Amino acid sequence: MAAIERRFPNFHDFAPLIRFRRPRLNRTAQRLDAALTVEDLRRIAQRRTPRAAFDYTDGAAEDEISLERARQAFRDIEFHPAILRDVTDVDTSRDVLGASVALPFAIAPTGFTRLMHTAGELAGARAAEAAGIPFSLSTLGTASIEEVAAAAPGARRWFQLYMWRDRERSMALLRRAADAGYDTLLATVDAPVPGARRRDTRNGMSIPPALTLRAVADAIVHPAWWFDLFTTEPLSFASLDRWSGTVAQYMDSMFDPSMTFDDLAWVRSQWPGRFVVKGIQTLADARAVVDLGADGIVLSNHGGRQLDRAPVPFALLPHVAREVGADTEILLDTGIMSGADIVAAVALGARCTLIGRAYLYGLMAGGQAGVQRVIDILAEQIRRTMRLLGVSELAELSPQHVTQLRRWVPLDGG
């Protein structure tokens, strides 16, 4: 066997291979740049956020089966790409509820958002404004209707309503939102009572956070979060009254379990803009709210945070799209963790999707820059998936591009 001939290395041969990265002084930017997926941002968020705040975002109701099933449903798909299509240019924009959006997703309404990061809803609204996507403000937001409007005057703003027992106070919120330029109302209908969120109960989650022995110990490993908490405006429900009890107690005092379709029709009559019903989980209810006059529906099980073992919105989507897709715009949330998930939802009939946890993972990981990173990651994944499927605009996506693989099949075959 011939011996291998060796030579002394020549610097000019390997010099082009040496590409040391210039160190960055901004550690937050360095962390965010290294995150390639929403799951990467979730891990960063978990390290940087106290347990009670992280668990409030990350957790769901009871055994958290609904959330796991929703995420698994997106994993259990098969894409069908078309080859030899010109996908040099990809257009991710479309009209949603009467106006154009740059990407087929909006930031979902989330409560207690400044608990995750002191920048809270204002960071989300500003990032949404920069990206050309809608931002949704929750009734339980920690920035007021007016503060969000002032922080992001050019953003497309939606307002989410929980119907109070005190109907006049609920309508006062609608008037404020309309006066502040919010163009769409998301009426949430799947929360007659709060779900049993065991992580929150075990953590004693409250607004503001209580200084228990566990919280004091947690402060040692999350000093920046606690410093922000104590050196900024106290946490409160900015559009409502201040509250010093637990989250579950507050929801029990506020939610109205007596709300009916007649009440929903009355709310519709009070709102001057686009009216969307959020929390649809059956085909029959989808048809009922469309007949009531809704401009759109959100297929949602509240991120798995209400009824555990509730229907998976993504699994329900094709059936609802066939039945009412020609009569209303269908939005969808719950379980979305990638741009490919969003593309699959659009292909099966969703006009737009909503991101909640994904947005909050970015917020916890790095404030407004973290939210922007989430949007950038999802946008890039959407464009890449579209190109690999052989489509250059969202309107070209269709059910032929996606197969939902069966994991859970009703015993009666229905």
Protein backbone atom coordinates (compact mmCIF):
# COMPACT_ATOMS: atom_id res chain seq x y z
CA MET A 1 0.00 0.00 0.00
CA ALA A 2 1.49 3.30 -1.11
CA ALA A 3 2.34 5.79 1.61
CA ILE A 4 0.38 9.03 1.70
CA GLU A 5 2.52 11.93 0.59
CA ARG A 6 2.38 14.78 3.07
CA ARG A 7 3.53 18.36 2.93
CA PHE A 8 3.89 21.28 5.28
CA PRO A 9 0.61 23.27 5.43
CA ASN A 10 0.54 26.45 3.37
CA PHE A 11 -1.14 29.38 5.11
CA HIS A 12 -2.72 30.53 1.84
CA ASP A 13 -4.58 27.20 1.57
CA PHE A 14 -6.48 27.46 4.82
CA ALA A 15 -6.60 31.24 5.37
CA PRO A 16 -9.96 31.54 3.47
CA LEU A 17 -11.45 28.96 5.84
CA ILE A 18 -10.80 31.08 8.92
CA ARG A 19 -13.94 33.07 9.57
CA PHE A 20 -14.07 34.05 13.20
CA ARG A 21 -17.26 35.85 14.09
CA ARG A 22 -16.86 39.34 15.43
CA PRO A 23 -17.98 39.33 19.08
CA ARG A 24 -21.16 41.31 19.81
CA LEU A 25 -21.41 43.45 22.90
CA ASN A 26 -25.19 43.28 22.94
CA ARG A 27 -25.83 39.92 24.63
CA THR A 28 -29.58 40.02 23.97
CA ALA A 29 -29.00 40.51 20.25
CA GLN A 30 -26.45 37.70 20.28
CA ARG A 31 -28.94 35.34 21.94
CA LEU A 32 -31.74 36.25 19.56
CA ASP A 33 -29.56 35.90 16.46
CA ALA A 34 -28.63 32.38 17.58
CA ALA A 35 -32.30 31.39 17.83
CA LEU A 36 -33.39 29.70 14.61
CA THR A 37 -36.83 28.47 15.70
CA VAL A 38 -39.65 29.43 18.02
CA GLU A 39 -38.65 26.49 20.20
CA ASP A 40 -35.17 28.04 20.53
CA LEU A 41 -36.80 31.23 21.77
CA ARG A 42 -38.94 29.21 24.18
CA ARG A 43 -35.81 27.76 25.78
CA ILE A 44 -34.27 31.22 26.13
CA ALA A 45 -37.51 32.52 27.63
CA GLN A 46 -37.58 29.71 30.18
CA ARG A 47 -34.08 30.57 31.36
CA ARG A 48 -34.74 34.30 31.63
CA THR A 49 -38.22 34.39 33.17
CA PRO A 50 -39.47 33.46 36.66
CA ARG A 51 -41.29 30.17 36.82
CA ALA A 52 -44.76 31.58 37.55
CA ALA A 53 -44.65 33.96 34.57
CA PHE A 54 -43.19 31.38 32.20
CA ASP A 55 -45.66 28.71 33.27
CA TYR A 56 -48.58 31.09 32.81
CA THR A 57 -47.55 31.42 29.16
CA ASP A 58 -46.38 27.89 28.53
CA GLY A 59 -49.07 25.99 30.38
CA ALA A 60 -52.61 24.95 29.58
CA ALA A 61 -55.63 23.51 31.35
CA GLU A 62 -55.67 20.39 33.50
CA ASP A 63 -53.43 17.69 31.93
CA GLU A 64 -52.58 19.97 28.96
CA ILE A 65 -53.80 17.35 26.49
CA SER A 66 -55.52 19.90 24.22
CA LEU A 67 -52.30 21.85 23.70
CA GLU A 68 -50.21 18.77 23.00
CA ARG A 69 -52.78 17.46 20.52
CA ALA A 70 -52.90 20.81 18.73
CA ARG A 71 -49.13 20.88 18.27
CA GLN A 72 -49.08 17.23 17.27
CA ALA A 73 -51.73 17.87 14.62
CA PHE A 74 -49.40 20.28 12.85
CA ARG A 75 -46.56 17.77 13.06
CA ASP A 76 -48.85 15.10 11.63
CA ILE A 77 -49.16 16.55 8.15
CA GLU A 78 -47.67 15.66 4.82
CA PHE A 79 -46.87 18.36 2.27
CA HIS A 80 -47.23 17.74 -1.48
CA PRO A 81 -44.79 19.97 -3.39
CA ALA A 82 -45.09 20.85 -7.06
CA ILE A 83 -41.80 21.02 -8.94
CA LEU A 84 -40.41 23.25 -11.68
CA ARG A 85 -42.41 26.35 -10.76
CA ASP A 86 -40.93 29.84 -10.86
CA VAL A 87 -40.69 30.85 -7.21
CA THR A 88 -38.09 33.56 -7.58
CA ASP A 89 -40.48 36.05 -6.02
CA VAL A 90 -42.88 35.07 -3.22
CA ASP A 91 -45.76 37.26 -2.07
CA THR A 92 -46.91 36.62 1.52
CA SER A 93 -49.46 39.45 1.66
CA ARG A 94 -53.23 39.22 1.42
CA ASP A 95 -56.42 41.01 2.43
CA VAL A 96 -57.75 40.03 5.85
CA LEU A 97 -60.97 41.48 7.25
CA GLY A 98 -61.02 44.43 4.92
CA ALA A 99 -57.36 45.47 4.79
CA SER A 100 -54.03 44.15 3.58
CA VAL A 101 -51.58 42.35 5.85
CA ALA A 102 -47.95 41.63 4.95
CA LEU A 103 -47.96 38.11 6.39
CA PRO A 104 -50.76 35.60 7.04
CA PHE A 105 -50.64 35.90 10.82
CA ALA A 106 -51.51 38.40 13.52
CA ILE A 107 -50.43 38.74 17.13
CA ALA A 108 -53.09 37.14 19.30
CA PRO A 109 -54.63 38.86 22.33
CA THR A 110 -52.79 37.83 25.50
CA GLY A 111 -53.49 38.81 29.09
CA PHE A 112 -51.02 39.95 31.78
CA THR A 113 -48.42 40.58 29.08
CA ARG A 114 -46.16 42.87 31.09
CA LEU A 115 -45.75 39.97 33.50
CA MET A 116 -43.69 38.27 30.77
CA HIS A 117 -41.55 41.34 30.05
CA THR A 118 -41.89 44.93 31.18
CA ALA A 119 -42.22 46.12 27.56
CA GLY A 120 -45.46 44.12 27.33
CA GLU A 121 -48.11 44.94 24.75
CA LEU A 122 -46.30 48.05 23.56
CA ALA A 123 -43.42 45.90 22.32
CA GLY A 124 -45.83 43.60 20.51
CA ALA A 125 -47.73 46.47 18.91
CA ARG A 126 -44.57 48.20 17.70
CA ALA A 127 -43.14 45.00 16.26
CA ALA A 128 -46.45 44.28 14.53
CA GLU A 129 -46.52 47.80 13.11
CA ALA A 130 -43.01 47.38 11.70
CA ALA A 131 -43.91 44.01 10.16
CA GLY A 132 -47.25 45.10 8.69
CA ILE A 133 -49.35 42.60 10.65
CA PRO A 134 -52.29 43.19 13.04
CA PHE A 135 -51.87 43.42 16.79
CA SER A 136 -54.67 42.26 19.10
CA LEU A 137 -55.13 43.80 22.54
CA SER A 138 -56.81 41.72 25.25
CA THR A 139 -59.43 42.93 27.70
CA LEU A 140 -56.93 41.67 30.28
CA GLY A 141 -54.04 43.61 28.77
CA THR A 142 -51.49 45.41 30.92
CA ALA A 143 -51.35 48.37 28.55
CA SER A 144 -54.48 50.40 27.95
CA ILE A 145 -56.41 50.76 24.72
CA GLU A 146 -55.13 54.31 24.36
CA GLU A 147 -51.51 53.51 25.26
CA VAL A 148 -51.27 50.87 22.54
CA ALA A 149 -52.80 53.22 19.98
CA ALA A 150 -50.31 55.94 20.87
CA ALA A 151 -47.33 53.57 20.84
CA ALA A 152 -48.13 52.13 17.39
CA PRO A 153 -50.33 54.64 15.56
CA GLY A 154 -49.68 53.01 12.19
CA ALA A 155 -50.43 49.48 13.33
CA ARG A 156 -53.56 47.59 12.41
CA ARG A 157 -55.19 47.18 15.83
CA TRP A 158 -57.80 44.64 16.92
CA PHE A 159 -59.51 44.53 20.32
CA GLN A 160 -60.51 41.32 22.12
CA LEU A 161 -63.54 41.36 24.40
CA TYR A 162 -64.47 39.18 27.34
CA MET A 163 -68.08 39.93 28.16
CA TRP A 164 -68.37 41.16 31.74
CA ARG A 165 -71.29 40.57 34.02
CA ASP A 166 -71.56 44.37 33.96
CA ARG A 167 -72.61 44.86 30.31
CA GLU A 168 -72.33 48.65 30.34
CA ARG A 169 -68.70 48.50 31.41
CA SER A 170 -68.06 46.05 28.57
CA MET A 171 -69.64 48.43 26.09
CA ALA A 172 -67.57 51.29 27.48
CA LEU A 173 -64.47 49.33 26.44
CA LEU A 174 -65.87 48.94 22.92
CA ARG A 175 -66.49 52.66 22.64
CA ARG A 176 -62.94 53.39 23.75
CA ALA A 177 -61.53 50.91 21.24
CA ALA A 178 -63.58 52.35 18.39
CA ASP A 179 -62.58 55.90 19.31
CA ALA A 180 -58.90 54.83 19.37
CA GLY A 181 -59.03 53.41 15.85
CA TYR A 182 -59.27 49.67 16.46
CA ASP A 183 -60.92 48.27 13.33
CA THR A 184 -61.84 44.73 14.40
CA LEU A 185 -63.45 43.21 17.49
CA LEU A 186 -62.60 39.68 18.58
CA ALA A 187 -65.47 38.53 20.80
CA THR A 188 -64.22 35.58 22.84
CA VAL A 189 -66.98 33.06 23.55
CA ASP A 190 -65.22 29.99 24.99
CA ALA A 191 -64.65 31.30 28.52
CA PRO A 192 -67.90 31.25 30.54
CA VAL A 193 -65.63 30.31 33.45
CA PRO A 194 -61.83 30.06 33.64
CA GLY A 195 -60.17 26.76 32.85
CA ALA A 196 -58.35 24.79 35.54
CA ARG A 197 -54.75 25.83 34.93
CA ARG A 198 -52.87 23.72 37.43
CA ARG A 199 -49.47 25.28 36.90
CA ASP A 200 -50.88 28.68 37.88
CA THR A 201 -52.57 27.27 40.96
CA ARG A 202 -49.41 25.52 42.11
CA ASN A 203 -47.36 28.66 41.48
CA GLY A 204 -49.86 30.93 43.25
CA MET A 205 -49.89 33.16 40.17
CA SER A 206 -51.23 36.62 41.02
CA ILE A 207 -51.27 40.19 39.72
CA PRO A 208 -49.02 41.71 40.95
CA PRO A 209 -46.74 38.76 41.81
CA ALA A 210 -46.74 37.96 45.51
CA LEU A 211 -43.44 38.02 47.38
CA THR A 212 -43.53 34.47 48.72
CA LEU A 213 -40.41 32.61 49.84
CA ARG A 214 -40.36 30.90 46.43
CA ALA A 215 -40.54 34.28 44.68
CA VAL A 216 -37.68 35.64 46.77
CA ALA A 217 -35.58 32.60 45.90
CA ASP A 218 -36.54 33.01 42.24
CA ALA A 219 -35.34 36.63 42.33
CA ILE A 220 -31.80 35.41 42.92
CA VAL A 221 -31.67 33.64 39.55
CA HIS A 222 -33.78 36.18 37.62
CA PRO A 223 -32.57 39.55 38.98
CA ALA A 224 -33.15 41.50 35.75
CA TRP A 225 -36.82 40.50 35.59
CA TRP A 226 -37.46 41.49 39.21
CA PHE A 227 -35.51 44.74 38.78
CA ASP A 228 -37.77 45.64 35.85
CA LEU A 229 -40.84 44.74 37.89
CA PHE A 230 -39.96 47.01 40.80
CA THR A 231 -38.65 49.96 38.77
CA THR A 232 -41.53 50.35 36.31
CA GLU A 233 -45.25 51.10 36.53
CA PRO A 234 -46.97 48.55 38.79
CA LEU A 235 -48.64 45.66 36.97
CA SER A 236 -52.38 46.07 36.52
CA PHE A 237 -55.17 45.45 34.05
CA ALA A 238 -54.70 48.76 32.30
CA SER A 239 -58.13 49.03 30.70
CA LEU A 240 -59.90 47.89 33.86
CA ASP A 241 -59.66 48.34 37.62
CA ARG A 242 -56.60 47.44 39.61
CA TRP A 243 -56.70 43.97 41.14
CA SER A 244 -54.52 42.42 43.82
CA GLY A 245 -55.86 38.85 43.93
CA THR A 246 -55.04 35.72 42.00
CA VAL A 247 -55.72 35.42 38.29
CA ALA A 248 -58.33 32.70 38.82
CA GLN A 249 -60.20 34.84 41.36
CA TYR A 250 -60.25 37.78 38.97
CA MET A 251 -61.59 35.72 36.09
CA ASP A 252 -64.27 34.20 38.30
CA SER A 253 -65.42 37.68 39.27
CA MET A 254 -65.46 39.00 35.71
CA PHE A 255 -66.55 36.30 33.23
CA ASP A 256 -70.26 36.01 32.51
CA PRO A 257 -71.50 32.40 32.29
CA SER A 258 -74.98 33.56 31.25
CA MET A 259 -73.95 34.90 27.82
CA THR A 260 -76.02 33.54 24.90
CA PHE A 261 -76.31 33.96 21.13
CA ASP A 262 -78.78 36.79 21.74
CA ASP A 263 -76.16 38.61 23.81
CA LEU A 264 -73.61 38.06 21.05
CA ALA A 265 -75.99 39.57 18.49
CA TRP A 266 -76.44 42.56 20.79
CA VAL A 267 -72.66 43.04 21.06
CA ARG A 268 -72.48 42.87 17.25
CA SER A 269 -75.02 45.70 17.05
CA GLN A 270 -72.86 47.86 19.33
CA TRP A 271 -69.62 47.55 17.36
CA PRO A 272 -69.06 49.70 14.24
CA GLY A 273 -66.17 47.73 12.74
CA ARG A 274 -65.42 44.17 11.67
CA PHE A 275 -66.84 41.59 14.05
CA VAL A 276 -65.07 38.27 14.63
CA VAL A 277 -66.14 35.50 17.02
CA LYS A 278 -63.22 33.75 18.71
CA GLY A 279 -63.47 30.31 20.28
CA ILE A 280 -65.43 28.31 17.70
CA GLN A 281 -64.97 24.56 18.22
CA THR A 282 -67.83 22.89 16.32
CA LEU A 283 -69.19 23.08 12.81
CA ALA A 284 -72.68 23.87 14.12
CA ASP A 285 -71.45 26.87 16.11
CA ALA A 286 -69.45 28.11 13.13
CA ARG A 287 -72.62 28.16 11.03
CA ALA A 288 -74.63 29.77 13.84
CA VAL A 289 -72.31 32.76 14.30
CA VAL A 290 -71.97 33.25 10.55
CA ASP A 291 -75.77 33.36 10.29
CA LEU A 292 -75.72 35.85 13.16
CA GLY A 293 -73.65 38.23 11.03
CA ALA A 294 -70.02 37.64 12.01
CA ASP A 295 -67.46 38.89 9.50
CA GLY A 296 -65.07 36.19 10.62
CA ILE A 297 -64.55 33.34 13.05
CA VAL A 298 -61.50 32.11 14.93
CA LEU A 299 -61.25 28.35 15.26
CA SER A 300 -59.68 28.17 18.69
CA ASN A 301 -59.73 26.18 21.90
CA HIS A 302 -58.10 29.08 23.73
CA GLY A 303 -54.64 27.61 23.34
CA GLY A 304 -55.78 24.58 25.30
CA ARG A 305 -56.32 26.80 28.33
CA GLN A 306 -60.05 26.23 28.86
CA LEU A 307 -61.59 22.78 28.26
CA ASP A 308 -58.96 20.06 28.17
CA ARG A 309 -59.49 17.47 25.41
CA ALA A 310 -61.33 20.09 23.36
CA PRO A 311 -61.39 19.74 19.55
CA VAL A 312 -58.15 20.54 17.75
CA PRO A 313 -58.76 23.69 15.65
CA PHE A 314 -56.43 22.60 12.85
CA ALA A 315 -58.22 19.25 12.57
CA LEU A 316 -61.57 21.04 12.42
CA LEU A 317 -60.42 23.55 9.81
CA PRO A 318 -61.10 21.63 6.55
CA HIS A 319 -64.66 20.77 7.59
CA VAL A 320 -65.48 24.36 8.59
CA ALA A 321 -63.83 25.74 5.45
CA ARG A 322 -66.01 23.55 3.24
CA GLU A 323 -69.16 24.53 5.10
CA VAL A 324 -68.78 28.29 5.71
CA GLY A 325 -65.56 29.29 3.96
CA ALA A 326 -67.47 31.01 1.17
CA ASP A 327 -69.54 33.00 3.67
CA THR A 328 -66.97 34.27 6.16
CA GLU A 329 -63.25 34.60 6.82
CA ILE A 330 -61.74 31.83 8.90
CA LEU A 331 -58.89 32.52 11.29
CA LEU A 332 -57.15 29.90 13.40
CA ASP A 333 -54.96 29.66 16.49
CA THR A 334 -53.61 27.10 18.97
CA GLY A 335 -50.48 25.03 18.51
CA ILE A 336 -48.70 27.17 15.92
CA MET A 337 -44.92 26.94 16.37
CA SER A 338 -43.55 27.42 12.84
CA GLY A 339 -44.11 29.09 9.51
CA ALA A 340 -44.84 25.68 8.00
CA ASP A 341 -47.77 25.37 10.43
CA ILE A 342 -49.12 28.67 9.13
CA VAL A 343 -48.72 27.64 5.49
CA ALA A 344 -50.58 24.38 6.19
CA ALA A 345 -53.44 26.29 7.84
CA VAL A 346 -53.73 28.67 4.90
CA ALA A 347 -53.71 25.76 2.45
CA LEU A 348 -56.63 24.14 4.28
CA GLY A 349 -58.76 27.27 4.30
CA ALA A 350 -57.57 29.73 6.96
CA ARG A 351 -57.49 33.32 5.83
CA CYS A 352 -55.11 34.22 8.61
CA THR A 353 -53.69 32.73 11.79
CA LEU A 354 -53.01 34.11 15.27
CA ILE A 355 -49.84 33.56 17.30
CA GLY A 356 -50.00 33.80 21.09
CA ARG A 357 -47.43 31.67 22.87
CA ALA A 358 -44.92 32.06 20.03
CA TYR A 359 -45.13 35.84 20.38
CA LEU A 360 -44.76 35.67 24.16
CA TYR A 361 -41.72 33.38 23.95
CA GLY A 362 -40.02 36.04 21.87
CA LEU A 363 -41.13 38.79 24.25
CA MET A 364 -39.71 36.94 27.25
CA ALA A 365 -36.51 36.16 25.37
CA GLY A 366 -35.75 39.74 24.40
CA GLY A 367 -38.52 42.32 24.63
CA GLN A 368 -39.46 44.07 21.39
CA ALA A 369 -36.38 42.68 19.64
CA GLY A 370 -37.51 39.20 20.65
CA VAL A 371 -40.97 39.75 19.20
CA GLN A 372 -39.37 40.96 15.99
CA ARG A 373 -37.20 37.83 15.96
CA VAL A 374 -40.31 35.62 16.19
CA ILE A 375 -41.88 37.46 13.28
CA ASP A 376 -38.68 37.19 11.22
CA ILE A 377 -38.35 33.47 11.92
CA LEU A 378 -41.96 32.76 10.96
CA ALA A 379 -41.77 34.97 7.87
CA GLU A 380 -38.64 33.22 6.59
CA GLN A 381 -40.16 29.79 7.26
CA ILE A 382 -43.34 30.78 5.42
CA ARG A 383 -41.40 31.97 2.37
CA ARG A 384 -39.17 28.90 2.29
CA THR A 385 -42.11 26.50 2.66
CA MET A 386 -44.02 28.25 -0.11
CA ARG A 387 -41.02 28.04 -2.44
CA LEU A 388 -40.49 24.37 -1.69
CA LEU A 389 -44.18 23.73 -2.35
CA GLY A 390 -43.88 25.50 -5.69
CA VAL A 391 -46.21 28.42 -4.95
CA SER A 392 -45.42 32.11 -5.27
CA GLU A 393 -48.48 33.61 -3.56
CA LEU A 394 -50.83 32.55 -0.80
CA ALA A 395 -53.83 32.26 -3.13
CA GLU A 396 -52.12 29.34 -4.88
CA LEU A 397 -52.15 27.25 -1.69
CA SER A 398 -54.94 24.67 -1.60
CA PRO A 399 -55.92 21.44 0.19
CA GLN A 400 -54.03 19.56 -2.52
CA HIS A 401 -50.81 20.76 -0.90
CA VAL A 402 -51.50 19.20 2.51
CA THR A 403 -52.64 15.86 3.89
CA GLN A 404 -53.60 15.63 7.56
CA LEU A 405 -52.33 12.25 8.74
CA ARG A 406 -54.72 10.48 11.07
CA ARG A 407 -53.77 9.95 14.68
CA TRP A 408 -57.07 10.36 16.51
CA VAL A 409 -60.09 8.90 14.71
CA PRO A 410 -63.53 8.81 16.39
CA LEU A 411 -64.64 5.27 17.19
CA ASP A 412 -67.86 5.78 15.25
CA GLY A 413 -65.90 6.84 12.19
CA GLY A 414 -67.47 10.31 12.23
